Each structure stands twice: as structure tokens, then as C-alpha cells.
Amino acid sequence: MSAEERFLLKEIENSRKKMLILAKEKPLFSMEVVEISQYLDYLLNQYDTIKSEMINVS
């Protein structure tokens, strides 16, 4: 596993936890929850791109 993958997985987990905490404290449509959700989507897309590239190289 590359350093980039490890970083993304750690960041995904941290963002997921932060989103869950925020979602308990604030409405789901609040700016904070929406922003962390969008950031999490971005991270997941980045991770998926890396994994897809690895499969295509193999």
C-alpha cells in the first residue's frame, strides 16, 4: 500500500468520524455537515481513482 493510499484511508476515516459527530449536533443540511460530506466524497473518489489505476496497470 502506497503512502498516498494510507494517507487517504486515514483522512477518510477521520472525516467520516467528524461527519458523524457533526450530524448528531447539527441539522444534516447545515453548512458544516454538507462541507465535510463533500470533502469525504472527494476523498473517496480520489481513493477509487488510485485503486482503479492500480488495477488497470496490472
Protein backbone atom coordinates (compact mmCIF):
# COMPACT_ATOMS: atom_id res chain seq x y z
CA MET A 1 0.00 0.00 0.00
CA SER A 2 1.42 3.37 -1.01
CA ALA A 3 1.85 6.35 1.28
CA GLU A 4 -0.88 8.16 -0.66
CA GLU A 5 -3.32 5.30 -0.08
CA ARG A 6 -2.51 5.23 3.63
CA PHE A 7 -2.99 8.99 3.87
CA LEU A 8 -6.34 8.83 2.05
CA LEU A 9 -7.61 5.97 4.19
CA LYS A 10 -6.67 7.82 7.37
CA GLU A 11 -8.23 11.04 6.12
CA ILE A 12 -11.39 9.17 5.02
CA GLU A 13 -11.76 7.60 8.46
CA ASN A 14 -11.15 10.90 10.28
CA SER A 15 -13.60 12.76 8.04
CA ARG A 16 -16.22 10.06 8.45
CA LYS A 17 -15.96 10.29 12.23
CA LYS A 18 -16.12 14.08 12.13
CA MET A 19 -19.19 13.97 9.88
CA LEU A 20 -20.99 11.56 12.21
CA ILE A 21 -20.29 13.80 15.20
CA LEU A 22 -21.42 16.92 13.34
CA ALA A 23 -24.56 15.17 12.07
CA LYS A 24 -25.56 14.40 15.66
CA GLU A 25 -25.08 18.02 16.71
CA LYS A 26 -26.40 19.91 13.69
CA PRO A 27 -29.07 19.52 11.02
CA LEU A 28 -27.96 17.39 8.08
CA PHE A 29 -28.39 20.36 5.74
CA SER A 30 -26.13 22.63 7.81
CA MET A 31 -23.12 24.06 6.00
CA GLU A 32 -20.65 22.18 8.24
CA VAL A 33 -22.23 18.79 7.60
CA VAL A 34 -22.56 19.43 3.86
CA GLU A 35 -18.94 20.58 3.59
CA ILE A 36 -17.49 17.56 5.40
CA SER A 37 -19.75 15.29 3.35
CA GLN A 38 -18.47 16.84 0.12
CA TYR A 39 -14.89 16.53 1.32
CA LEU A 40 -15.49 12.88 2.18
CA ASP A 41 -16.92 12.32 -1.31
CA TYR A 42 -13.81 13.91 -2.79
CA LEU A 43 -11.52 11.66 -0.72
CA LEU A 44 -13.47 8.55 -1.66
CA ASN A 45 -13.29 9.49 -5.35
CA GLN A 46 -9.54 10.04 -5.05
CA TYR A 47 -9.10 6.66 -3.41
CA ASP A 48 -11.25 4.97 -6.05
CA THR A 49 -9.19 6.60 -8.80
CA ILE A 50 -5.94 5.31 -7.30
CA LYS A 51 -7.32 1.79 -6.93
CA SER A 52 -8.69 1.82 -10.49
CA GLU A 53 -5.33 2.94 -11.87
CA MET A 54 -3.60 0.14 -10.00
CA ILE A 55 -5.99 -2.43 -11.47
CA ASN A 56 -5.52 -1.05 -14.99
CA VAL A 57 -1.72 -1.19 -14.65
CA SER A 58 -1.80 -4.83 -13.56
